[in-house]
Amino acid sequence: MTGRPVKHSLTLRGHRTSVSLEEGFWREFRRIAAQRGQSINGLAIEIDESRGDVGLASAIRVFVLDALKAEADPGA
């Protein structure tokens, strides 16, 4: 695994966009979407709608980090 971002295409509300994330973030993003019964596009739309002026890739990274922290310490 390299630390270099990997670009993937997503479709958000009918519009194609590309997002560059490190492979570890893509892997966890896919896992979280599957765990929630969502497609990665569906989860990306949710994140996109609540991200404010933060870039989508950054918002996905923070979402993944927050999800992993919540899984590690569900009582916090």
C-alpha atoms as a PDB file:
ATOM      1  CA  MET A   1       0.000   0.000   0.000  1.00  0.00           C
ATOM      2  CA  THR A   2       1.262   3.446  -0.856  1.00  0.00           C
ATOM      3  CA  GLY A   3       0.341   6.706   0.770  1.00  0.00           C
ATOM      4  CA  ARG A   4      -0.407   8.270  -2.590  1.00  0.00           C
ATOM      5  CA  PRO A   5      -4.021   9.270  -3.249  1.00  0.00           C
ATOM      6  CA  VAL A   6      -5.952   7.197  -5.774  1.00  0.00           C
ATOM      7  CA  LYS A   7      -8.570   8.895  -7.935  1.00  0.00           C
ATOM      8  CA  HIS A   8     -12.032   7.312  -8.250  1.00  0.00           C
ATOM      9  CA  SER A   9     -15.131   8.574 -10.013  1.00  0.00           C
ATOM     10  CA  LEU A  10     -18.354   9.130  -8.097  1.00  0.00           C
ATOM     11  CA  THR A  11     -21.801  10.171  -9.285  1.00  0.00           C
ATOM     12  CA  LEU A  12     -23.520  12.730  -7.075  1.00  0.00           C
ATOM     13  CA  ARG A  13     -27.094  13.563  -8.059  1.00  0.00           C
ATOM     14  CA  GLY A  14     -26.446  12.662 -11.686  1.00  0.00           C
ATOM     15  CA  HIS A  15     -23.122  14.516 -11.942  1.00  0.00           C
ATOM     16  CA  ARG A  16     -19.806  12.714 -12.274  1.00  0.00           C
ATOM     17  CA  THR A  17     -16.939  13.888 -10.102  1.00  0.00           C
ATOM     18  CA  SER A  18     -13.615  12.412  -9.121  1.00  0.00           C
ATOM     19  CA  VAL A  19     -12.214  12.185  -5.631  1.00  0.00           C
ATOM     20  CA  SER A  20      -8.634  11.374  -4.679  1.00  0.00           C
ATOM     21  CA  LEU A  21      -8.177   9.446  -1.432  1.00  0.00           C
ATOM     22  CA  GLU A  22      -5.487   7.171  -0.107  1.00  0.00           C
ATOM     23  CA  GLU A  23      -6.324   3.478  -0.578  1.00  0.00           C
ATOM     24  CA  GLY A  24      -6.904   2.960   3.152  1.00  0.00           C
ATOM     25  CA  PHE A  25      -9.582   5.644   3.147  1.00  0.00           C
ATOM     26  CA  TRP A  26     -11.249   4.141   0.040  1.00  0.00           C
ATOM     27  CA  ARG A  27     -11.264   0.715   1.677  1.00  0.00           C
ATOM     28  CA  GLU A  28     -12.847   1.993   4.888  1.00  0.00           C
ATOM     29  CA  PHE A  29     -15.280   4.237   2.982  1.00  0.00           C
ATOM     30  CA  ARG A  30     -16.524   1.212   0.986  1.00  0.00           C
ATOM     31  CA  ARG A  31     -16.785  -0.887   4.144  1.00  0.00           C
ATOM     32  CA  ILE A  32     -18.761   1.765   6.011  1.00  0.00           C
ATOM     33  CA  ALA A  33     -21.129   2.238   3.060  1.00  0.00           C
ATOM     34  CA  ALA A  34     -21.707  -1.530   2.854  1.00  0.00           C
ATOM     35  CA  GLN A  35     -22.218  -1.752   6.614  1.00  0.00           C
ATOM     36  CA  ARG A  36     -24.882   0.948   6.328  1.00  0.00           C
ATOM     37  CA  GLY A  37     -26.506  -0.726   3.318  1.00  0.00           C
ATOM     38  CA  GLN A  38     -25.579   2.168   1.040  1.00  0.00           C
ATOM     39  CA  SER A  39     -23.656   2.578  -2.164  1.00  0.00           C
ATOM     40  CA  ILE A  40     -20.517   4.677  -1.984  1.00  0.00           C
ATOM     41  CA  ASN A  41     -22.279   7.217  -4.219  1.00  0.00           C
ATOM     42  CA  GLY A  42     -25.199   7.402  -1.778  1.00  0.00           C
ATOM     43  CA  LEU A  43     -22.914   7.879   1.203  1.00  0.00           C
ATOM     44  CA  ALA A  44     -20.874  10.470  -0.705  1.00  0.00           C
ATOM     45  CA  ILE A  45     -24.090  12.408  -1.410  1.00  0.00           C
ATOM     46  CA  GLU A  46     -24.881  12.441   2.325  1.00  0.00           C
ATOM     47  CA  ILE A  47     -21.406  13.710   3.133  1.00  0.00           C
ATOM     48  CA  ASP A  48     -21.525  16.241   0.285  1.00  0.00           C
ATOM     49  CA  GLU A  49     -24.792  17.710   1.538  1.00  0.00           C
ATOM     50  CA  SER A  50     -23.390  18.399   5.001  1.00  0.00           C
ATOM     51  CA  ARG A  51     -19.788  19.374   4.236  1.00  0.00           C
ATOM     52  CA  GLY A  52     -20.139  23.141   3.974  1.00  0.00           C
ATOM     53  CA  ASP A  53     -17.095  24.792   2.386  1.00  0.00           C
ATOM     54  CA  VAL A  54     -14.775  21.819   3.008  1.00  0.00           C
ATOM     55  CA  GLY A  55     -13.571  19.853  -0.023  1.00  0.00           C
ATOM     56  CA  LEU A  56     -15.314  16.530  -0.642  1.00  0.00           C
ATOM     57  CA  ALA A  57     -12.149  14.436  -0.248  1.00  0.00           C
ATOM     58  CA  SER A  58     -11.393  16.094   3.095  1.00  0.00           C
ATOM     59  CA  ALA A  59     -14.988  15.643   4.230  1.00  0.00           C
ATOM     60  CA  ILE A  60     -14.848  11.926   3.364  1.00  0.00           C
ATOM     61  CA  ARG A  61     -11.575  11.508   5.277  1.00  0.00           C
ATOM     62  CA  VAL A  62     -13.048  13.189   8.375  1.00  0.00           C
ATOM     63  CA  PHE A  63     -16.227  11.089   8.058  1.00  0.00           C
ATOM     64  CA  VAL A  64     -14.175   7.869   7.867  1.00  0.00           C
ATOM     65  CA  LEU A  65     -11.989   8.929  10.802  1.00  0.00           C
ATOM     66  CA  ASP A  66     -15.045   9.789  12.918  1.00  0.00           C
ATOM     67  CA  ALA A  67     -16.713   6.470  12.030  1.00  0.00           C
ATOM     68  CA  LEU A  68     -13.596   4.497  12.980  1.00  0.00           C
ATOM     69  CA  LYS A  69     -13.278   6.388  16.271  1.00  0.00           C
ATOM     70  CA  ALA A  70     -16.932   5.686  17.062  1.00  0.00           C
ATOM     71  CA  GLU A  71     -16.437   1.966  16.332  1.00  0.00           C
ATOM     72  CA  ALA A  72     -13.353   1.852  18.540  1.00  0.00           C
ATOM     73  CA  ASP A  73     -15.083   3.557  21.456  1.00  0.00           C
ATOM     74  CA  PRO A  74     -18.882   3.261  21.066  1.00  0.00           C
ATOM     75  CA  GLY A  75     -19.508   4.669  24.550  1.00  0.00           C
ATOM     76  CA  ALA A  76     -17.736   7.976  23.923  1.00  0.00           C
END
